[in-house]
């Protein structure tokens, strides 16, 4: 996600809150920089303030919409229906009015991502293959490769990685991994899953996969980043 917001305090709040929910985040502090980053990064979704230094939110929508296929969620303190209509006509997909309720914003973000094609969950193709960047997981043969290089995984490591890849871009809760993959309830103390994830990370790194994309989200679970 890209946050285009000039208010440092609000931007930090959004970065912290959305980061806790597993999103990869970048910030731009002006409309002009926002335009550059949108066109360069092509993020899944842009959180765009209406009032910005340089190009305002409406200008940003106008200048990127033809070349940007993701969602634009506009933030505004304005209650003006005319402003909202103008934003929608220029390409915004939704509005959230300030002061922002973080849970409402999160729900709107997830709704837009689902609308764009279910980015919250990845499904194997007709051949049973999951792909996350250069990582390829064949759920039928249980083979894992990074750009063609085979990665030897144990049965448990494969099952953990396959579940994370199925939900790539979203945090998978520790409790769910224990229940679904390891077949036990998490007791709050066991560190077996941490060991499996650490071993997976090292094996992927040796094959050239960026290990920072397999993230531990403190107190929540794990995330395999889409990009």
Protein backbone atom coordinates (compact mmCIF):
# COMPACT_ATOMS: atom_id res chain seq x y z
CA UNK A 1 0.00 0.00 0.00
CA UNK A 2 1.08 3.58 -0.62
CA UNK A 3 0.04 6.31 1.82
CA UNK A 4 0.05 9.82 0.34
CA UNK A 5 -0.35 12.05 3.39
CA UNK A 6 1.47 15.23 4.47
CA UNK A 7 0.38 15.10 8.12
CA UNK A 8 3.32 13.36 9.85
CA UNK A 9 1.33 12.35 12.92
CA UNK A 10 -1.50 10.81 10.93
CA UNK A 11 0.91 9.12 8.53
CA UNK A 12 2.82 7.52 11.42
CA UNK A 13 -0.44 6.31 12.95
CA UNK A 14 -1.49 4.70 9.66
CA UNK A 15 1.93 3.14 9.08
CA UNK A 16 1.94 1.61 12.55
CA UNK A 17 -1.66 0.40 12.54
CA UNK A 18 -1.70 -1.05 9.03
CA UNK A 19 1.77 -2.51 9.49
CA UNK A 20 0.42 -4.48 12.46
CA UNK A 21 -2.11 -6.02 10.08
CA UNK A 22 0.53 -7.28 7.68
CA UNK A 23 0.53 -4.68 4.93
CA UNK A 24 3.72 -3.52 3.25
CA UNK A 25 3.65 0.26 3.32
CA UNK A 26 5.36 3.19 1.65
CA UNK A 27 4.65 6.86 2.28
CA UNK A 28 4.75 9.98 0.12
CA UNK A 29 4.36 13.38 1.81
CA UNK A 30 3.21 15.40 -1.21
CA UNK A 31 0.96 14.97 -4.21
CA UNK A 32 3.81 15.34 -6.69
CA UNK A 33 5.88 12.61 -5.03
CA UNK A 34 2.72 10.53 -4.73
CA UNK A 35 2.18 10.63 -8.47
CA UNK A 36 5.74 9.45 -9.10
CA UNK A 37 5.46 6.60 -6.62
CA UNK A 38 2.05 5.45 -7.83
CA UNK A 39 3.21 5.17 -11.42
CA UNK A 40 6.56 3.64 -10.48
CA UNK A 41 5.42 1.19 -7.78
CA UNK A 42 1.91 0.33 -9.01
CA UNK A 43 0.80 -0.49 -5.44
CA UNK A 44 -2.29 -2.61 -4.81
CA UNK A 45 -3.99 0.36 -3.14
CA UNK A 46 -3.31 4.05 -2.53
CA UNK A 47 -4.52 5.87 0.58
CA UNK A 48 -4.69 9.41 -0.72
CA UNK A 49 -5.28 12.60 1.25
CA UNK A 50 -7.42 15.19 -0.50
CA UNK A 51 -5.49 18.25 0.71
CA UNK A 52 -1.78 17.94 -0.12
CA UNK A 53 1.13 20.25 -0.88
CA UNK A 54 1.82 20.39 -4.60
CA UNK A 55 -0.78 18.40 -6.53
CA UNK A 56 -3.88 17.86 -4.41
CA UNK A 57 -5.71 14.55 -4.18
CA UNK A 58 -8.00 15.33 -7.11
CA UNK A 59 -5.00 16.27 -9.25
CA UNK A 60 -3.29 13.01 -8.31
CA UNK A 61 -6.36 10.98 -9.35
CA UNK A 62 -6.59 12.82 -12.64
CA UNK A 63 -2.93 12.32 -13.52
CA UNK A 64 -2.53 8.63 -12.59
CA UNK A 65 -5.87 7.00 -13.28
CA UNK A 66 -5.24 6.05 -16.91
CA UNK A 67 -1.97 4.29 -16.01
CA UNK A 68 -2.80 2.89 -12.58
CA UNK A 69 -5.07 -0.14 -12.15
CA UNK A 70 -5.10 -0.43 -8.35
CA UNK A 71 -7.59 1.10 -5.94
CA UNK A 72 -7.58 4.69 -4.68
CA UNK A 73 -9.04 5.29 -1.23
CA UNK A 74 -9.30 9.00 -0.55
CA UNK A 75 -9.07 10.61 2.90
CA UNK A 76 -10.86 13.88 3.38
CA UNK A 77 -11.98 16.21 6.15
CA UNK A 78 -14.48 17.70 3.72
CA UNK A 79 -18.17 16.92 4.15
CA UNK A 80 -18.89 18.45 0.76
CA UNK A 81 -20.82 16.14 -1.53
CA UNK A 82 -19.32 18.02 -4.49
CA UNK A 83 -15.79 17.07 -3.39
CA UNK A 84 -16.78 13.44 -3.04
CA UNK A 85 -18.47 13.33 -6.42
CA UNK A 86 -15.48 15.04 -8.06
CA UNK A 87 -13.12 12.48 -6.55
CA UNK A 88 -15.21 9.55 -7.72
CA UNK A 89 -15.52 11.00 -11.21
CA UNK A 90 -11.73 11.43 -11.39
CA UNK A 91 -11.06 7.84 -10.37
CA UNK A 92 -11.21 7.47 -6.57
CA UNK A 93 -12.81 4.16 -5.57
CA UNK A 94 -13.94 5.09 -2.06
CA UNK A 95 -13.80 7.81 0.61
CA UNK A 96 -13.01 7.76 4.32
CA UNK A 97 -13.84 10.95 6.20
CA UNK A 98 -11.56 12.37 8.88
CA UNK A 99 -11.22 11.95 11.82
CA UNK A 100 -10.33 8.42 10.78
CA UNK A 101 -11.55 5.37 12.66
CA UNK A 102 -8.71 2.86 11.99
CA UNK A 103 -10.99 -0.20 12.01
CA UNK A 104 -13.27 1.41 9.43
CA UNK A 105 -10.28 2.25 7.24
CA UNK A 106 -8.99 -1.33 7.51
CA UNK A 107 -12.38 -2.72 6.51
CA UNK A 108 -12.56 -0.39 3.50
CA UNK A 109 -9.04 -1.38 2.42
CA UNK A 110 -9.84 -5.08 2.60
CA UNK A 111 -13.08 -4.57 0.71
CA UNK A 112 -11.22 -2.81 -2.11
CA UNK A 113 -8.58 -5.54 -2.29
CA UNK A 114 -11.28 -8.21 -2.50
CA UNK A 115 -12.98 -6.24 -5.25
CA UNK A 116 -9.76 -6.13 -7.20
CA UNK A 117 -9.54 -9.89 -7.32
CA UNK A 118 -9.10 -11.43 -3.91
CA UNK A 119 -5.54 -10.36 -3.24
CA UNK A 120 -6.02 -11.45 0.37
CA UNK A 121 -5.91 -15.09 -0.74
CA UNK A 122 -3.95 -16.83 -3.47
CA UNK A 123 -5.24 -20.09 -4.90
CA UNK A 124 -3.28 -22.74 -6.80
CA UNK A 125 -3.74 -22.70 -10.56
CA UNK A 126 -5.30 -25.60 -12.44
CA UNK A 127 -2.05 -27.53 -12.04
CA UNK A 128 -1.93 -27.02 -8.29
CA UNK A 129 0.84 -24.41 -8.46
CA UNK A 130 1.16 -21.36 -6.19
CA UNK A 131 3.50 -18.54 -7.24
CA UNK A 132 4.66 -15.65 -5.07
CA UNK A 133 7.24 -13.66 -7.01
CA UNK A 134 10.10 -16.05 -7.89
CA UNK A 135 8.81 -18.62 -5.40
CA UNK A 136 6.93 -21.55 -6.98
CA UNK A 137 5.10 -24.14 -4.87
CA UNK A 138 3.67 -27.24 -6.55
CA UNK A 139 1.02 -28.54 -4.16
CA UNK A 140 0.57 -31.74 -6.18
CA UNK A 141 4.21 -32.87 -6.25
CA UNK A 142 5.16 -30.87 -3.11
CA UNK A 143 8.13 -29.37 -4.94
CA UNK A 144 9.33 -25.85 -4.09
CA UNK A 145 11.64 -23.82 -6.32
CA UNK A 146 13.01 -20.29 -6.48
CA UNK A 147 13.71 -19.32 -10.09
CA UNK A 148 14.08 -22.99 -10.94
CA UNK A 149 16.34 -23.90 -8.01
CA UNK A 150 14.88 -26.70 -5.91
CA UNK A 151 14.41 -26.05 -2.19
CA UNK A 152 14.51 -29.17 0.01
CA UNK A 153 11.83 -28.83 2.71
CA UNK A 154 10.58 -31.22 5.34
CA UNK A 155 6.91 -32.17 5.28
CA UNK A 156 6.12 -29.71 8.07
CA UNK A 157 8.14 -26.90 6.44
CA UNK A 158 6.30 -27.43 3.16
CA UNK A 159 2.90 -27.31 4.85
CA UNK A 160 3.77 -24.12 6.73
CA UNK A 161 5.10 -22.40 3.61
CA UNK A 162 2.14 -23.51 1.49
CA UNK A 163 -0.32 -22.04 4.01
CA UNK A 164 1.59 -18.75 4.13
CA UNK A 165 1.72 -18.63 0.31
CA UNK A 166 -2.02 -19.32 0.07
CA UNK A 167 -2.57 -16.21 2.19
CA UNK A 168 0.34 -14.21 0.72
CA UNK A 169 -0.01 -10.53 1.52
CA UNK A 170 -2.01 -11.19 4.70
CA UNK A 171 -0.93 -12.17 8.19
CA UNK A 172 -1.61 -15.81 9.10
CA UNK A 173 -2.28 -16.09 12.81
CA UNK A 174 0.03 -18.26 14.87
CA UNK A 175 -2.99 -20.07 16.37
CA UNK A 176 -4.28 -20.95 12.89
CA UNK A 177 -0.92 -22.34 11.80
CA UNK A 178 -0.69 -24.51 14.89
CA UNK A 179 -4.23 -25.83 14.47
CA UNK A 180 -4.24 -26.32 10.70
CA UNK A 181 -0.65 -27.38 9.99
CA UNK A 182 0.72 -28.78 13.23
CA UNK A 183 -2.56 -30.28 14.41
CA UNK A 184 -2.35 -28.96 17.96
CA UNK A 185 -3.62 -25.99 19.91
CA UNK A 186 -1.07 -23.25 20.57
CA UNK A 187 -0.37 -23.14 24.30
CA UNK A 188 1.32 -19.75 24.31
CA UNK A 189 4.76 -21.19 25.01
CA UNK A 190 5.70 -23.66 22.29
CA UNK A 191 8.33 -22.35 19.87
CA UNK A 192 8.29 -25.21 17.38
CA UNK A 193 6.65 -23.08 14.71
CA UNK A 194 9.30 -20.38 15.10
CA UNK A 195 11.97 -22.99 14.41
CA UNK A 196 10.19 -24.21 11.27
CA UNK A 197 9.78 -20.67 9.92
CA UNK A 198 13.41 -19.83 10.69
CA UNK A 199 14.59 -22.91 8.77
CA UNK A 200 12.31 -22.08 5.83
CA UNK A 201 13.63 -18.52 5.75
CA UNK A 202 17.26 -19.70 5.67
CA UNK A 203 16.60 -22.22 2.92
CA UNK A 204 14.80 -19.66 0.76
CA UNK A 205 17.58 -17.13 1.31
CA UNK A 206 20.22 -19.60 0.15
CA UNK A 207 18.29 -19.92 -3.11
CA UNK A 208 18.19 -16.15 -3.62
CA UNK A 209 14.71 -15.39 -2.25
CA UNK A 210 14.59 -12.17 -0.21
CA UNK A 211 14.25 -13.45 3.39
CA UNK A 212 12.71 -10.16 4.55
CA UNK A 213 9.55 -11.14 2.64
CA UNK A 214 8.88 -13.88 5.20
CA UNK A 215 8.00 -11.71 8.17
CA UNK A 216 7.27 -12.39 11.82
CA UNK A 217 4.48 -10.12 13.05
CA UNK A 218 5.01 -9.80 16.80
CA UNK A 219 2.18 -11.17 18.86
CA UNK A 220 0.13 -12.14 15.79
CA UNK A 221 1.74 -14.58 13.38
CA UNK A 222 3.58 -14.63 10.08
CA UNK A 223 3.33 -12.93 6.71
CA UNK A 224 4.68 -13.88 3.28
CA UNK A 225 4.84 -10.57 1.43
CA UNK A 226 3.57 -10.47 -2.14
CA UNK A 227 6.33 -8.07 -3.20
